[in-house]
Amino acid sequence: MKIKSIVIGFFLLCFLWSCLGKAPIVCTQEAKAGLNIIVKDAQSNLYLSDSLKIIASSGTYTESLENFPGNPPTFSGAIEREGTYTVSITRPRYQPFVTAAIVVAKDQCHVIPQTQTVALIPK
């Protein structure tokens, strides 16, 4: 009987230790962009940011991505919105481009940002 009490006590102690040892998940208050698109000229390899029209679509949902100036300039959207997206990119004097499906998933707190660099081909 004493051995049985020790074994039960040991398992109870292990259970409590594993439950209490886990740190709680703390989420930040910032909103994350699910899509981040960087556009370059395919010939010069220079970044493009002006005159671009970048549209993300997931089912019936569409959104124009916004340019967030920086180095490199990045067009972002799908703020805290998971889904499977295609992104179409147009610019005068360049061939239009449509990405393959980009999957934006979500963890316990935020979407997991996806970044893709696209090289546009001049006409």
Protein backbone atom coordinates (compact mmCIF):
# COMPACT_ATOMS: atom_id res chain seq x y z
CA MET A 1 0.00 0.00 0.00
CA LYS A 2 2.87 2.37 0.77
CA ILE A 3 4.44 1.74 -2.68
CA LYS A 4 1.10 2.50 -4.38
CA SER A 5 0.87 5.85 -2.51
CA ILE A 6 4.43 6.73 -3.50
CA VAL A 7 3.76 5.92 -7.18
CA ILE A 8 0.50 7.94 -7.19
CA GLY A 9 2.27 10.81 -5.43
CA PHE A 10 5.10 10.69 -7.96
CA PHE A 11 2.72 10.87 -10.94
CA LEU A 12 0.72 13.66 -9.28
CA LEU A 13 3.92 15.60 -8.65
CA CYS A 14 5.05 15.09 -12.28
CA PHE A 15 1.65 16.25 -13.57
CA LEU A 16 1.64 19.39 -11.44
CA TRP A 17 5.25 20.18 -12.31
CA SER A 18 4.61 19.90 -16.07
CA CYS A 19 1.47 22.06 -15.87
CA LEU A 20 3.01 24.72 -13.66
CA GLY A 21 6.28 24.78 -15.61
CA LYS A 22 4.66 26.05 -18.81
CA ALA A 23 4.90 29.77 -19.35
CA PRO A 24 1.70 31.52 -20.47
CA ILE A 25 1.60 32.81 -24.04
CA VAL A 26 1.82 36.60 -24.13
CA CYS A 27 0.67 38.22 -27.38
CA THR A 28 1.78 41.66 -28.55
CA GLN A 29 -0.75 44.37 -29.37
CA GLU A 30 0.70 45.12 -32.82
CA ALA A 31 -1.16 44.05 -35.95
CA LYS A 32 0.81 41.86 -38.36
CA ALA A 33 0.60 41.96 -42.14
CA GLY A 34 0.06 38.51 -43.60
CA LEU A 35 1.39 39.51 -47.03
CA ASN A 36 4.59 41.43 -47.72
CA ILE A 37 5.55 41.86 -51.38
CA ILE A 38 8.85 43.29 -52.63
CA VAL A 39 9.09 44.17 -56.33
CA LYS A 40 12.25 44.44 -58.45
CA ASP A 41 13.06 45.12 -62.07
CA ALA A 42 14.09 41.74 -63.57
CA GLN A 43 16.85 43.31 -65.71
CA SER A 44 18.39 45.94 -63.43
CA ASN A 45 17.56 44.21 -60.12
CA LEU A 46 16.55 47.64 -58.74
CA TYR A 47 13.58 47.92 -56.38
CA LEU A 48 10.33 49.27 -57.82
CA SER A 49 7.82 51.17 -55.73
CA ASP A 50 6.16 53.88 -57.81
CA SER A 51 3.23 53.31 -60.19
CA LEU A 52 2.65 49.76 -58.92
CA LYS A 53 -0.82 48.32 -58.51
CA ILE A 54 -0.74 45.26 -56.24
CA ILE A 55 -3.98 43.40 -55.53
CA ALA A 56 -4.29 40.42 -53.18
CA SER A 57 -7.25 38.06 -53.62
CA SER A 58 -8.56 35.21 -51.48
CA GLY A 59 -11.90 33.84 -52.68
CA THR A 60 -14.25 36.82 -52.98
CA TYR A 61 -12.00 39.01 -50.80
CA THR A 62 -9.71 41.52 -52.55
CA GLU A 63 -7.40 44.16 -51.14
CA SER A 64 -4.94 46.70 -52.55
CA LEU A 65 -1.62 46.31 -50.78
CA GLU A 66 -0.10 49.47 -49.33
CA ASN A 67 3.45 50.66 -49.88
CA PHE A 68 5.44 50.94 -46.67
CA PRO A 69 8.55 52.87 -47.69
CA GLY A 70 11.75 51.38 -46.42
CA ASN A 71 14.72 49.46 -47.61
CA PRO A 72 13.50 47.52 -49.46
CA PRO A 73 10.13 49.13 -50.21
CA THR A 74 7.46 46.62 -49.19
CA PHE A 75 3.80 46.40 -50.13
CA SER A 76 1.82 44.92 -47.26
CA GLY A 77 -1.72 43.84 -46.50
CA ALA A 78 -3.96 41.04 -45.23
CA ILE A 79 -3.57 42.54 -41.77
CA GLU A 80 -4.32 39.77 -39.25
CA ARG A 81 -6.23 37.92 -41.99
CA GLU A 82 -5.34 34.31 -42.74
CA GLY A 83 -6.17 32.71 -46.07
CA THR A 84 -4.79 31.53 -49.39
CA TYR A 85 -3.96 34.48 -51.61
CA THR A 86 -2.93 35.21 -55.17
CA VAL A 87 -1.29 38.55 -55.74
CA SER A 88 -1.45 40.39 -59.08
CA ILE A 89 1.09 43.07 -59.84
CA THR A 90 0.90 45.61 -62.65
CA ARG A 91 3.03 48.59 -63.61
CA PRO A 92 3.14 50.61 -66.83
CA ARG A 93 5.79 49.36 -69.28
CA TYR A 94 6.11 45.99 -67.47
CA GLN A 95 4.52 42.61 -68.04
CA PRO A 96 1.77 41.83 -65.49
CA PHE A 97 2.62 39.19 -62.90
CA VAL A 98 0.42 36.88 -60.80
CA THR A 99 1.91 34.86 -57.94
CA ALA A 100 1.24 31.24 -57.16
CA ALA A 101 -0.93 30.67 -54.09
CA ILE A 102 0.50 32.21 -50.91
CA VAL A 103 -0.84 30.63 -47.72
CA VAL A 104 -1.09 32.90 -44.68
CA ALA A 105 -1.60 30.88 -41.51
CA LYS A 106 -2.18 32.03 -37.94
CA ASP A 107 -0.62 31.02 -34.62
CA GLN A 108 -2.02 31.65 -31.13
CA CYS A 109 -1.52 35.41 -31.45
CA HIS A 110 -1.06 36.67 -35.00
CA VAL A 111 -0.88 35.72 -38.64
CA ILE A 112 2.49 34.36 -39.75
CA PRO A 113 3.82 36.95 -42.22
CA GLN A 114 4.71 35.73 -45.71
CA THR A 115 7.25 37.70 -47.76
CA GLN A 116 7.75 37.25 -51.47
CA THR A 117 10.07 39.06 -53.86
CA VAL A 118 8.81 39.43 -57.43
CA ALA A 119 10.88 40.41 -60.48
CA LEU A 120 8.85 42.28 -63.11
CA ILE A 121 9.94 41.97 -66.74
CA PRO A 122 10.03 45.18 -68.78
CA LYS A 123 8.02 45.14 -72.05
